[in-house]
Amino acid sequence: MNGRKSSVERKTKETEISIELDLDGSGEGTIETGIGFFDHMLELLKKHALVDLTVRAKGDVHVDYHHTVEDTGLVFGKALNEALGSRAGIVRYAFASIPMDEALVEASIDLGGRPFLVVSSPMKHCMVRDFEVKLVEEFFRAVSVESRSNIHIRQISGDEAHHVCEGMFKAYARALRVAKSIDPLEKGIPSSKGTI
């Protein structure tokens, strides 16, 4: 399938973000947010979702990382929504369970047009260097709203915050990889409503 691409920009007094997304890519693209750990997570997302993703973000990271992370989520979510188009023919639902050493994280997603996020993790307020794990939840909340998708992420085990965060991004990415894919048996919109 061709043409499932989008390019979205957002500029505020706090951030300037541009994202280019190709849902039928191979994991290529450049990630530059000014936040090293967040760059690493987005690299994992594009690789495991098999999307081409270029992110250029400038934010008030001298204040903290919240604005940059949340706004990047908003722009990525909007880009995902635009690239999905009518969502005709997609698998829509998907689940992934990712082990990362001692950590195990599950993600379930529905690209069915209804935004909702649930993140279950006892490590939300832990830190990876100067990056709070809670920001991962803020990122996915923004993605959920702008992409009109239902996302559930659950930490089953893990006591190393870096591993838990990697599990979250990899599980979401692997679920997205399936949910965005084209189902050869689906002849139209994957909803009994006839629209998403």
N, C-alpha and C. Protein backbone atom coordinates (compact mmCIF):
# COMPACT_ATOMS: atom_id res chain seq x y z
N MET A 1 0.86 -1.19 0.00
CA MET A 1 0.00 0.00 0.00
C MET A 1 0.89 1.24 0.00
N ASN A 2 0.58 2.20 -0.82
CA ASN A 2 1.38 3.42 -0.93
C ASN A 2 0.64 4.60 -0.33
N GLY A 3 1.39 5.61 0.08
CA GLY A 3 0.78 6.87 0.47
C GLY A 3 0.38 7.01 1.91
N ARG A 4 0.73 6.06 2.79
CA ARG A 4 0.36 6.21 4.20
C ARG A 4 1.45 7.00 4.91
N LYS A 5 1.55 8.27 4.51
CA LYS A 5 2.59 9.16 5.01
C LYS A 5 1.96 10.44 5.52
N SER A 6 2.70 11.13 6.39
CA SER A 6 2.23 12.43 6.88
C SER A 6 3.41 13.26 7.33
N SER A 7 3.18 14.56 7.39
CA SER A 7 4.18 15.51 7.87
C SER A 7 3.43 16.56 8.70
N VAL A 8 3.82 16.69 9.96
CA VAL A 8 3.09 17.57 10.89
C VAL A 8 4.08 18.45 11.63
N GLU A 9 3.71 19.72 11.82
CA GLU A 9 4.52 20.65 12.59
C GLU A 9 3.68 21.30 13.68
N ARG A 10 4.33 21.64 14.77
CA ARG A 10 3.68 22.35 15.88
C ARG A 10 4.67 23.34 16.45
N LYS A 11 4.23 24.58 16.62
CA LYS A 11 5.10 25.61 17.16
C LYS A 11 4.35 26.38 18.23
N THR A 12 4.94 26.41 19.43
CA THR A 12 4.39 27.19 20.53
C THR A 12 5.53 28.01 21.14
N LYS A 13 5.23 28.75 22.19
CA LYS A 13 6.27 29.51 22.89
C LYS A 13 7.22 28.57 23.65
N GLU A 14 6.80 27.30 23.81
CA GLU A 14 7.60 26.34 24.57
C GLU A 14 8.37 25.36 23.69
N THR A 15 7.79 25.01 22.54
CA THR A 15 8.41 23.99 21.69
C THR A 15 8.20 24.28 20.21
N GLU A 16 9.12 23.74 19.41
CA GLU A 16 8.97 23.69 17.95
C GLU A 16 9.26 22.26 17.53
N ILE A 17 8.25 21.60 16.96
CA ILE A 17 8.38 20.19 16.65
C ILE A 17 7.88 19.91 15.24
N SER A 18 8.65 19.11 14.50
CA SER A 18 8.21 18.63 13.19
C SER A 18 8.45 17.14 13.12
N ILE A 19 7.47 16.44 12.55
CA ILE A 19 7.56 14.99 12.42
C ILE A 19 7.14 14.58 11.01
N GLU A 20 7.93 13.69 10.44
CA GLU A 20 7.60 13.03 9.18
C GLU A 20 7.45 11.55 9.47
N LEU A 21 6.34 10.96 8.99
CA LEU A 21 6.02 9.57 9.31
C LEU A 21 5.59 8.82 8.06
N ASP A 22 6.13 7.62 7.88
CA ASP A 22 5.72 6.72 6.81
C ASP A 22 5.38 5.39 7.46
N LEU A 23 4.10 5.02 7.47
CA LEU A 23 3.67 3.80 8.14
C LEU A 23 4.19 2.54 7.47
N ASP A 24 4.57 2.65 6.23
CA ASP A 24 5.03 1.47 5.49
C ASP A 24 6.54 1.54 5.27
N GLY A 25 7.24 2.06 6.23
CA GLY A 25 8.68 2.19 6.14
C GLY A 25 9.40 0.96 6.66
N SER A 26 10.68 1.16 7.00
CA SER A 26 11.52 0.06 7.45
C SER A 26 12.33 0.40 8.70
N GLY A 27 11.93 1.46 9.39
CA GLY A 27 12.63 1.85 10.62
C GLY A 27 13.70 2.89 10.41
N GLU A 28 13.62 3.62 9.32
CA GLU A 28 14.62 4.66 9.02
C GLU A 28 14.18 6.01 9.56
N GLY A 29 15.11 6.95 9.60
CA GLY A 29 14.78 8.31 10.03
C GLY A 29 15.73 8.81 11.09
N THR A 30 15.64 10.11 11.37
CA THR A 30 16.52 10.77 12.33
C THR A 30 15.70 11.30 13.49
N ILE A 31 16.18 11.07 14.70
CA ILE A 31 15.49 11.54 15.91
C ILE A 31 16.37 12.55 16.62
N GLU A 32 15.86 13.78 16.80
CA GLU A 32 16.60 14.84 17.50
C GLU A 32 15.64 15.64 18.36
N THR A 33 15.62 15.34 19.67
CA THR A 33 14.73 16.07 20.57
C THR A 33 15.48 16.90 21.61
N GLY A 34 16.79 16.72 21.69
CA GLY A 34 17.55 17.40 22.73
C GLY A 34 17.51 16.68 24.07
N ILE A 35 16.84 15.51 24.11
CA ILE A 35 16.75 14.70 25.33
C ILE A 35 17.25 13.31 24.98
N GLY A 36 18.47 12.99 25.41
CA GLY A 36 19.12 11.77 24.97
C GLY A 36 18.31 10.50 25.22
N PHE A 37 17.77 10.34 26.41
CA PHE A 37 17.01 9.12 26.71
C PHE A 37 15.74 9.03 25.88
N PHE A 38 15.07 10.15 25.68
CA PHE A 38 13.85 10.18 24.87
C PHE A 38 14.18 9.84 23.41
N ASP A 39 15.29 10.36 22.90
CA ASP A 39 15.74 9.99 21.55
C ASP A 39 15.88 8.47 21.44
N HIS A 40 16.49 7.87 22.45
CA HIS A 40 16.69 6.42 22.47
C HIS A 40 15.35 5.69 22.41
N MET A 41 14.37 6.15 23.16
CA MET A 41 13.05 5.51 23.16
C MET A 41 12.36 5.64 21.80
N LEU A 42 12.47 6.82 21.17
CA LEU A 42 11.85 7.01 19.86
C LEU A 42 12.56 6.20 18.79
N GLU A 43 13.87 6.00 18.93
CA GLU A 43 14.60 5.12 18.02
C GLU A 43 14.04 3.70 18.12
N LEU A 44 13.77 3.25 19.33
CA LEU A 44 13.18 1.93 19.53
C LEU A 44 11.80 1.85 18.90
N LEU A 45 11.02 2.92 19.05
CA LEU A 45 9.67 2.94 18.49
C LEU A 45 9.70 2.76 16.98
N LYS A 46 10.51 3.55 16.29
CA LYS A 46 10.53 3.46 14.83
C LYS A 46 11.05 2.12 14.34
N LYS A 47 12.04 1.58 15.03
CA LYS A 47 12.62 0.31 14.63
C LYS A 47 11.62 -0.83 14.80
N HIS A 48 10.97 -0.89 15.95
CA HIS A 48 10.10 -2.03 16.24
C HIS A 48 8.70 -1.88 15.66
N ALA A 49 8.28 -0.66 15.34
CA ALA A 49 7.00 -0.47 14.66
C ALA A 49 7.15 -0.61 13.14
N LEU A 50 8.39 -0.65 12.67
CA LEU A 50 8.68 -0.65 11.23
C LEU A 50 8.01 0.53 10.55
N VAL A 51 8.31 1.71 11.07
CA VAL A 51 7.87 2.96 10.44
C VAL A 51 9.11 3.80 10.18
N ASP A 52 9.07 4.59 9.13
CA ASP A 52 10.10 5.61 8.94
C ASP A 52 9.65 6.83 9.72
N LEU A 53 10.52 7.34 10.57
CA LEU A 53 10.14 8.43 11.47
C LEU A 53 11.29 9.40 11.62
N THR A 54 11.01 10.66 11.30
CA THR A 54 11.96 11.73 11.52
C THR A 54 11.34 12.73 12.49
N VAL A 55 12.06 12.99 13.58
CA VAL A 55 11.57 13.90 14.61
C VAL A 55 12.62 14.98 14.83
N ARG A 56 12.19 16.24 14.71
CA ARG A 56 13.05 17.37 15.05
C ARG A 56 12.30 18.21 16.07
N ALA A 57 12.85 18.27 17.27
CA ALA A 57 12.18 18.99 18.34
C ALA A 57 13.15 19.92 19.06
N LYS A 58 12.69 21.13 19.28
CA LYS A 58 13.42 22.10 20.10
C LYS A 58 12.45 22.55 21.17
N GLY A 59 12.86 22.40 22.43
CA GLY A 59 11.97 22.78 23.51
C GLY A 59 12.71 23.43 24.65
N ASP A 60 11.95 23.87 25.64
CA ASP A 60 12.51 24.55 26.80
C ASP A 60 13.03 23.53 27.80
N VAL A 61 14.00 22.73 27.36
CA VAL A 61 14.54 21.68 28.23
C VAL A 61 15.33 22.23 29.41
N HIS A 62 15.65 23.53 29.37
CA HIS A 62 16.28 24.16 30.53
C HIS A 62 15.29 24.30 31.69
N VAL A 63 13.98 24.26 31.36
CA VAL A 63 12.93 24.30 32.39
C VAL A 63 12.74 22.88 32.92
N ASP A 64 12.27 21.99 32.05
CA ASP A 64 12.25 20.55 32.28
C ASP A 64 11.92 19.88 30.96
N TYR A 65 11.70 18.58 30.98
CA TYR A 65 11.49 17.83 29.74
C TYR A 65 10.01 17.67 29.38
N HIS A 66 9.13 18.07 30.27
CA HIS A 66 7.71 17.78 30.11
C HIS A 66 7.13 18.32 28.81
N HIS A 67 7.35 19.60 28.53
CA HIS A 67 6.75 20.20 27.33
C HIS A 67 7.22 19.52 26.07
N THR A 68 8.50 19.23 25.97
CA THR A 68 9.05 18.61 24.76
C THR A 68 8.51 17.20 24.58
N VAL A 69 8.46 16.42 25.64
CA VAL A 69 7.97 15.05 25.55
C VAL A 69 6.48 15.02 25.20
N GLU A 70 5.68 15.81 25.92
CA GLU A 70 4.24 15.82 25.67
C GLU A 70 3.93 16.33 24.26
N ASP A 71 4.55 17.42 23.86
CA ASP A 71 4.26 17.99 22.55
C ASP A 71 4.73 17.08 21.42
N THR A 72 5.84 16.36 21.63
CA THR A 72 6.26 15.38 20.63
C THR A 72 5.21 14.28 20.52
N GLY A 73 4.62 13.88 21.63
CA GLY A 73 3.53 12.91 21.60
C GLY A 73 2.32 13.43 20.84
N LEU A 74 1.99 14.70 21.04
CA LEU A 74 0.86 15.29 20.31
C LEU A 74 1.11 15.28 18.80
N VAL A 75 2.32 15.66 18.41
CA VAL A 75 2.63 15.72 16.98
C VAL A 75 2.72 14.32 16.37
N PHE A 76 3.34 13.39 17.09
CA PHE A 76 3.39 12.02 16.59
C PHE A 76 1.99 11.43 16.46
N GLY A 77 1.14 11.68 17.46
CA GLY A 77 -0.23 11.18 17.40
C GLY A 77 -0.99 11.75 16.22
N LYS A 78 -0.83 13.03 15.98
CA LYS A 78 -1.51 13.66 14.84
C LYS A 78 -0.98 13.11 13.52
N ALA A 79 0.34 12.91 13.45
CA ALA A 79 0.93 12.34 12.24
C ALA A 79 0.42 10.92 12.00
N LEU A 80 0.30 10.14 13.08
CA LEU A 80 -0.22 8.78 12.96
C LEU A 80 -1.67 8.80 12.48
N ASN A 81 -2.48 9.68 13.04
CA ASN A 81 -3.88 9.79 12.64
C ASN A 81 -4.00 10.15 11.15
N GLU A 82 -3.19 11.11 10.71
CA GLU A 82 -3.25 11.53 9.31
C GLU A 82 -2.77 10.42 8.38
N ALA A 83 -1.70 9.72 8.77
CA ALA A 83 -1.17 8.67 7.92
C ALA A 83 -2.14 7.48 7.81
N LEU A 84 -2.91 7.22 8.87
CA LEU A 84 -3.87 6.12 8.83
C LEU A 84 -5.05 6.43 7.93
N GLY A 85 -5.33 7.69 7.69
CA GLY A 85 -6.43 8.07 6.81
C GLY A 85 -7.77 7.55 7.32
N SER A 86 -8.55 6.92 6.47
CA SER A 86 -9.86 6.37 6.85
C SER A 86 -9.73 5.12 7.70
N ARG A 87 -8.54 4.53 7.74
CA ARG A 87 -8.23 3.29 8.47
C ARG A 87 -8.85 2.06 7.81
N ALA A 88 -9.29 2.23 6.59
CA ALA A 88 -9.85 1.08 5.86
C ALA A 88 -8.78 0.00 5.68
N GLY A 89 -9.17 -1.23 5.94
CA GLY A 89 -8.31 -2.37 5.68
C GLY A 89 -7.28 -2.71 6.74
N ILE A 90 -7.18 -1.90 7.80
CA ILE A 90 -6.15 -2.18 8.81
C ILE A 90 -6.59 -3.29 9.76
N VAL A 91 -5.62 -3.90 10.42
CA VAL A 91 -5.91 -4.93 11.42
C VAL A 91 -6.66 -4.32 12.61
N ARG A 92 -6.29 -3.15 13.01
CA ARG A 92 -6.91 -2.32 14.05
C ARG A 92 -6.50 -2.69 15.47
N TYR A 93 -6.70 -3.91 15.92
CA TYR A 93 -6.37 -4.33 17.28
C TYR A 93 -5.04 -5.08 17.31
N ALA A 94 -4.26 -4.91 18.38
CA ALA A 94 -3.03 -5.69 18.50
C ALA A 94 -2.54 -5.70 19.94
N PHE A 95 -1.72 -6.70 20.24
CA PHE A 95 -1.17 -6.91 21.57
C PHE A 95 0.28 -7.35 21.44
N ALA A 96 1.12 -6.90 22.35
CA ALA A 96 2.51 -7.36 22.37
C ALA A 96 2.98 -7.48 23.81
N SER A 97 3.79 -8.48 24.08
CA SER A 97 4.40 -8.68 25.38
C SER A 97 5.90 -8.75 25.18
N ILE A 98 6.62 -7.84 25.82
CA ILE A 98 8.06 -7.69 25.58
C ILE A 98 8.87 -7.93 26.86
N PRO A 99 9.76 -8.92 26.85
CA PRO A 99 10.69 -9.08 27.96
C PRO A 99 11.94 -8.24 27.72
N MET A 100 12.40 -7.58 28.76
CA MET A 100 13.64 -6.80 28.68
C MET A 100 14.41 -7.13 29.95
N ASP A 101 15.24 -8.17 29.89
CA ASP A 101 15.92 -8.70 31.07
C ASP A 101 14.90 -9.02 32.16
N GLU A 102 14.99 -8.37 33.33
CA GLU A 102 14.06 -8.70 34.42
C GLU A 102 12.68 -8.07 34.23
N ALA A 103 12.55 -7.16 33.29
CA ALA A 103 11.29 -6.45 33.06
C ALA A 103 10.43 -7.15 32.02
N LEU A 104 9.14 -7.13 32.24
CA LEU A 104 8.16 -7.64 31.27
C LEU A 104 7.04 -6.63 31.16
N VAL A 105 6.76 -6.17 29.95
CA VAL A 105 5.75 -5.14 29.73
C VAL A 105 4.82 -5.58 28.60
N GLU A 106 3.53 -5.36 28.80
CA GLU A 106 2.52 -5.68 27.79
C GLU A 106 1.88 -4.39 27.28
N ALA A 107 1.51 -4.40 26.01
CA ALA A 107 0.76 -3.28 25.43
C ALA A 107 -0.35 -3.83 24.55
N SER A 108 -1.52 -3.24 24.70
CA SER A 108 -2.67 -3.55 23.84
C SER A 108 -3.13 -2.24 23.24
N ILE A 109 -3.40 -2.24 21.93
CA ILE A 109 -3.87 -1.01 21.30
C ILE A 109 -5.04 -1.28 20.37
N ASP A 110 -5.87 -0.26 20.22
CA ASP A 110 -7.00 -0.27 19.30
C ASP A 110 -6.96 1.04 18.54
N LEU A 111 -6.78 0.96 17.24
CA LEU A 111 -6.75 2.16 16.39
C LEU A 111 -8.16 2.52 15.92
N GLY A 112 -9.14 2.29 16.78
CA GLY A 112 -10.54 2.41 16.40
C GLY A 112 -11.18 3.76 16.58
N GLY A 113 -10.40 4.81 16.83
CA GLY A 113 -10.97 6.16 16.84
C GLY A 113 -11.37 6.69 18.19
N ARG A 114 -11.20 5.90 19.25
CA ARG A 114 -11.62 6.34 20.59
C ARG A 114 -10.38 6.48 21.48
N PRO A 115 -10.00 7.69 21.82
CA PRO A 115 -8.80 7.88 22.64
C PRO A 115 -9.02 7.49 24.09
N PHE A 116 -8.09 6.70 24.62
CA PHE A 116 -8.08 6.38 26.05
C PHE A 116 -6.73 5.78 26.36
N LEU A 117 -6.18 6.12 27.51
CA LEU A 117 -4.88 5.58 27.91
C LEU A 117 -4.96 5.03 29.33
N VAL A 118 -4.38 3.84 29.51
CA VAL A 118 -4.16 3.28 30.83
C VAL A 118 -2.71 2.81 30.89
N VAL A 119 -1.96 3.35 31.85
CA VAL A 119 -0.59 2.90 32.09
C VAL A 119 -0.52 2.39 33.52
N SER A 120 -0.16 1.13 33.68
CA SER A 120 -0.05 0.53 34.99
C SER A 120 1.41 0.17 35.25
N SER A 121 2.05 0.95 36.12
CA SER A 121 3.45 0.72 36.44
C SER A 121 3.76 1.29 37.82
N PRO A 122 4.35 0.48 38.70
CA PRO A 122 4.73 1.01 40.01
C PRO A 122 5.97 1.90 39.96
N MET A 123 6.57 2.03 38.78
CA MET A 123 7.82 2.79 38.66
C MET A 123 7.62 4.17 38.03
N LYS A 124 6.39 4.65 38.00
CA LYS A 124 6.09 5.91 37.32
C LYS A 124 6.96 7.08 37.79
N HIS A 125 7.31 7.10 39.05
CA HIS A 125 8.05 8.25 39.58
C HIS A 125 9.53 7.94 39.81
N CYS A 126 9.99 6.88 39.20
CA CYS A 126 11.42 6.59 39.22
C CYS A 126 12.11 7.43 38.14
N MET A 127 13.41 7.51 38.22
CA MET A 127 14.19 8.31 37.28
C MET A 127 15.15 7.43 36.49
N VAL A 128 15.35 7.78 35.24
CA VAL A 128 16.45 7.25 34.45
C VAL A 128 17.35 8.45 34.19
N ARG A 129 18.43 8.53 34.94
CA ARG A 129 19.28 9.72 34.95
C ARG A 129 18.41 10.91 35.34
N ASP A 130 18.15 11.86 34.45
CA ASP A 130 17.31 13.01 34.78
C ASP A 130 15.96 12.95 34.07
N PHE A 131 15.56 11.75 33.62
CA PHE A 131 14.31 11.56 32.90
C PHE A 131 13.35 10.77 33.78
N GLU A 132 12.19 11.38 34.11
CA GLU A 132 11.21 10.71 34.96
C GLU A 132 10.36 9.76 34.14
N VAL A 133 10.20 8.54 34.64
CA VAL A 133 9.41 7.52 33.94
C VAL A 133 7.99 8.01 33.69
N LYS A 134 7.47 8.85 34.56
CA LYS A 134 6.11 9.41 34.40
C LYS A 134 5.95 10.11 33.05
N LEU A 135 7.03 10.64 32.50
CA LEU A 135 6.94 11.32 31.20
C LEU A 135 6.59 10.36 30.07
N VAL A 136 6.89 9.09 30.25
CA VAL A 136 6.49 8.09 29.25
C VAL A 136 4.96 8.05 29.17
N GLU A 137 4.31 8.09 30.33
CA GLU A 137 2.85 8.11 30.36
C GLU A 137 2.33 9.38 29.70
N GLU A 138 2.96 10.52 29.95
CA GLU A 138 2.51 11.77 29.33
C GLU A 138 2.65 11.70 27.81
N PHE A 139 3.72 11.10 27.34
CA PHE A 139 3.91 10.92 25.90
C PHE A 139 2.78 10.09 25.30
N PHE A 140 2.50 8.95 25.90
CA PHE A 140 1.48 8.06 25.33
C PHE A 140 0.07 8.62 25.49
N ARG A 141 -0.16 9.44 26.53
CA ARG A 141 -1.48 10.09 26.64
C ARG A 141 -1.69 11.04 25.47
N ALA A 142 -0.67 11.80 25.14
CA ALA A 142 -0.77 12.72 24.00
C ALA A 142 -0.94 11.96 22.70
N VAL A 143 -0.20 10.86 22.54
CA VAL A 143 -0.34 10.03 21.34
C VAL A 143 -1.77 9.50 21.22
N SER A 144 -2.30 9.01 22.34
CA SER A 144 -3.65 8.45 22.34
C SER A 144 -4.69 9.47 21.89
N VAL A 145 -4.61 10.67 22.44
CA VAL A 145 -5.59 11.71 22.12
C VAL A 145 -5.53 12.08 20.64
N GLU A 146 -4.34 12.40 20.15
CA GLU A 146 -4.22 12.90 18.79
C GLU A 146 -4.32 11.81 17.72
N SER A 147 -4.00 10.57 18.07
CA SER A 147 -4.13 9.49 17.09
C SER A 147 -5.49 8.81 17.17
N ARG A 148 -6.30 9.24 18.14
CA ARG A 148 -7.61 8.64 18.35
C ARG A 148 -7.48 7.12 18.52
N SER A 149 -6.63 6.74 19.47
CA SER A 149 -6.43 5.32 19.70
C SER A 149 -6.45 5.00 21.20
N ASN A 150 -6.85 3.78 21.50
CA ASN A 150 -6.92 3.26 22.87
C ASN A 150 -5.62 2.51 23.13
N ILE A 151 -4.91 2.90 24.17
CA ILE A 151 -3.62 2.30 24.49
C ILE A 151 -3.62 1.86 25.95
N HIS A 152 -3.30 0.59 26.17
CA HIS A 152 -3.11 0.05 27.52
C HIS A 152 -1.69 -0.47 27.61
N ILE A 153 -0.95 -0.01 28.60
CA ILE A 153 0.42 -0.47 28.83
C ILE A 153 0.53 -0.94 30.28
N ARG A 154 1.02 -2.17 30.46
CA ARG A 154 1.07 -2.74 31.81
C ARG A 154 2.43 -3.35 32.09
N GLN A 155 3.05 -2.89 33.16
CA GLN A 155 4.30 -3.49 33.62
C GLN A 155 3.97 -4.72 34.46
N ILE A 156 4.43 -5.88 34.00
CA ILE A 156 4.20 -7.12 34.74
C ILE A 156 5.29 -7.34 35.78
N SER A 157 6.54 -7.06 35.41
CA SER A 157 7.65 -7.17 36.34
C SER A 157 8.73 -6.18 35.94
N GLY A 158 9.74 -6.04 36.80
CA GLY A 158 10.85 -5.14 36.49
C GLY A 158 11.20 -4.25 37.65
N ASP A 159 12.51 -4.08 37.90
CA ASP A 159 12.94 -3.18 38.95
C ASP A 159 14.06 -2.26 38.48
N GLU A 160 14.30 -2.22 37.17
CA GLU A 160 15.29 -1.31 36.58
C GLU A 160 14.54 -0.38 35.64
N ALA A 161 14.50 0.90 35.98
CA ALA A 161 13.63 1.84 35.27
C ALA A 161 13.93 1.92 33.77
N HIS A 162 15.19 1.86 33.40
CA HIS A 162 15.55 1.90 31.98
C HIS A 162 14.92 0.73 31.23
N HIS A 163 15.01 -0.46 31.81
CA HIS A 163 14.44 -1.65 31.18
C HIS A 163 12.92 -1.54 31.06
N VAL A 164 12.28 -1.00 32.09
CA VAL A 164 10.83 -0.84 32.07
C VAL A 164 10.41 0.11 30.96
N CYS A 165 11.10 1.24 30.84
CA CYS A 165 10.78 2.20 29.78
C CYS A 165 10.98 1.59 28.40
N GLU A 166 12.09 0.88 28.22
CA GLU A 166 12.32 0.21 26.94
C GLU A 166 11.19 -0.76 26.65
N GLY A 167 10.77 -1.51 27.67
CA GLY A 167 9.67 -2.44 27.47
C GLY A 167 8.39 -1.74 27.04
N MET A 168 8.12 -0.59 27.62
CA MET A 168 6.91 0.17 27.27
C MET A 168 6.93 0.59 25.80
N PHE A 169 8.04 1.18 25.37
CA PHE A 169 8.12 1.65 24.00
C PHE A 169 8.16 0.49 23.00
N LYS A 170 8.88 -0.55 23.34
CA LYS A 170 8.96 -1.70 22.42
C LYS A 170 7.62 -2.42 22.32
N ALA A 171 6.92 -2.58 23.45
CA ALA A 171 5.62 -3.25 23.42
C ALA A 171 4.62 -2.44 22.62
N TYR A 172 4.58 -1.12 22.84
CA TYR A 172 3.69 -0.28 22.04
C TYR A 172 4.04 -0.38 20.57
N ALA A 173 5.33 -0.29 20.25
CA ALA A 173 5.77 -0.31 18.86
C ALA A 173 5.41 -1.62 18.17
N ARG A 174 5.62 -2.73 18.86
CA ARG A 174 5.31 -4.03 18.28
C ARG A 174 3.80 -4.20 18.08
N ALA A 175 3.01 -3.67 19.01
CA ALA A 175 1.56 -3.72 18.83
C ALA A 175 1.14 -2.83 17.67
N LEU A 176 1.73 -1.63 17.57
CA LEU A 176 1.41 -0.73 16.47
C LEU A 176 1.78 -1.36 15.13
N ARG A 177 2.89 -2.04 15.08
CA ARG A 177 3.36 -2.71 13.86
C ARG A 177 2.28 -3.64 13.29
N VAL A 178 1.58 -4.34 14.17
CA VAL A 178 0.50 -5.24 13.74
C VAL A 178 -0.78 -4.47 13.46
N ALA A 179 -1.17 -3.59 14.38
CA ALA A 179 -2.46 -2.89 14.25
C ALA A 179 -2.55 -2.02 13.00
N LYS A 180 -1.44 -1.41 12.59
CA LYS A 180 -1.44 -0.54 11.41
C LYS A 180 -1.36 -1.32 10.11
N SER A 181 -1.01 -2.60 10.19
CA SER A 181 -0.80 -3.38 8.98
C SER A 181 -2.12 -3.65 8.26
N ILE A 182 -2.00 -3.94 6.99
CA ILE A 182 -3.18 -4.19 6.17
C ILE A 182 -3.59 -5.66 6.29
N ASP A 183 -4.85 -5.87 6.61
CA ASP A 183 -5.43 -7.21 6.73
C ASP A 183 -6.00 -7.63 5.39
N PRO A 184 -5.45 -8.66 4.75
CA PRO A 184 -5.93 -9.06 3.43
C PRO A 184 -7.38 -9.54 3.43
N LEU A 185 -7.91 -9.88 4.60
CA LEU A 185 -9.30 -10.34 4.69
C LEU A 185 -10.28 -9.20 4.95
N GLU A 186 -9.75 -8.04 5.35
CA GLU A 186 -10.62 -6.90 5.67
C GLU A 186 -10.87 -6.08 4.40
N LYS A 187 -12.11 -6.03 3.97
CA LYS A 187 -12.45 -5.36 2.71
C LYS A 187 -12.88 -3.91 2.88
N GLY A 188 -13.01 -3.46 4.10
CA GLY A 188 -13.44 -2.07 4.32
C GLY A 188 -12.97 -1.55 5.65
N ILE A 189 -13.83 -0.80 6.32
CA ILE A 189 -13.52 -0.24 7.63
C ILE A 189 -13.70 -1.34 8.68
N PRO A 190 -12.70 -1.58 9.52
CA PRO A 190 -12.81 -2.63 10.54
C PRO A 190 -13.65 -2.22 11.74
N SER A 191 -14.91 -1.92 11.50
CA SER A 191 -15.84 -1.53 12.55
C SER A 191 -17.27 -1.84 12.11
N SER A 192 -18.09 -2.31 13.03
CA SER A 192 -19.49 -2.58 12.72
C SER A 192 -20.26 -1.29 12.46
N LYS A 193 -19.67 -0.13 12.86
CA LYS A 193 -20.31 1.15 12.61
C LYS A 193 -20.16 1.60 11.16
N GLY A 194 -19.17 1.02 10.48
CA GLY A 194 -18.92 1.41 9.10
C GLY A 194 -18.02 2.61 8.95
N THR A 195 -17.56 3.15 10.09
CA THR A 195 -16.65 4.28 10.06
C THR A 195 -15.83 4.28 11.34
N ILE A 196 -14.64 4.89 11.28
CA ILE A 196 -13.82 5.05 12.47
C ILE A 196 -13.48 6.53 12.58
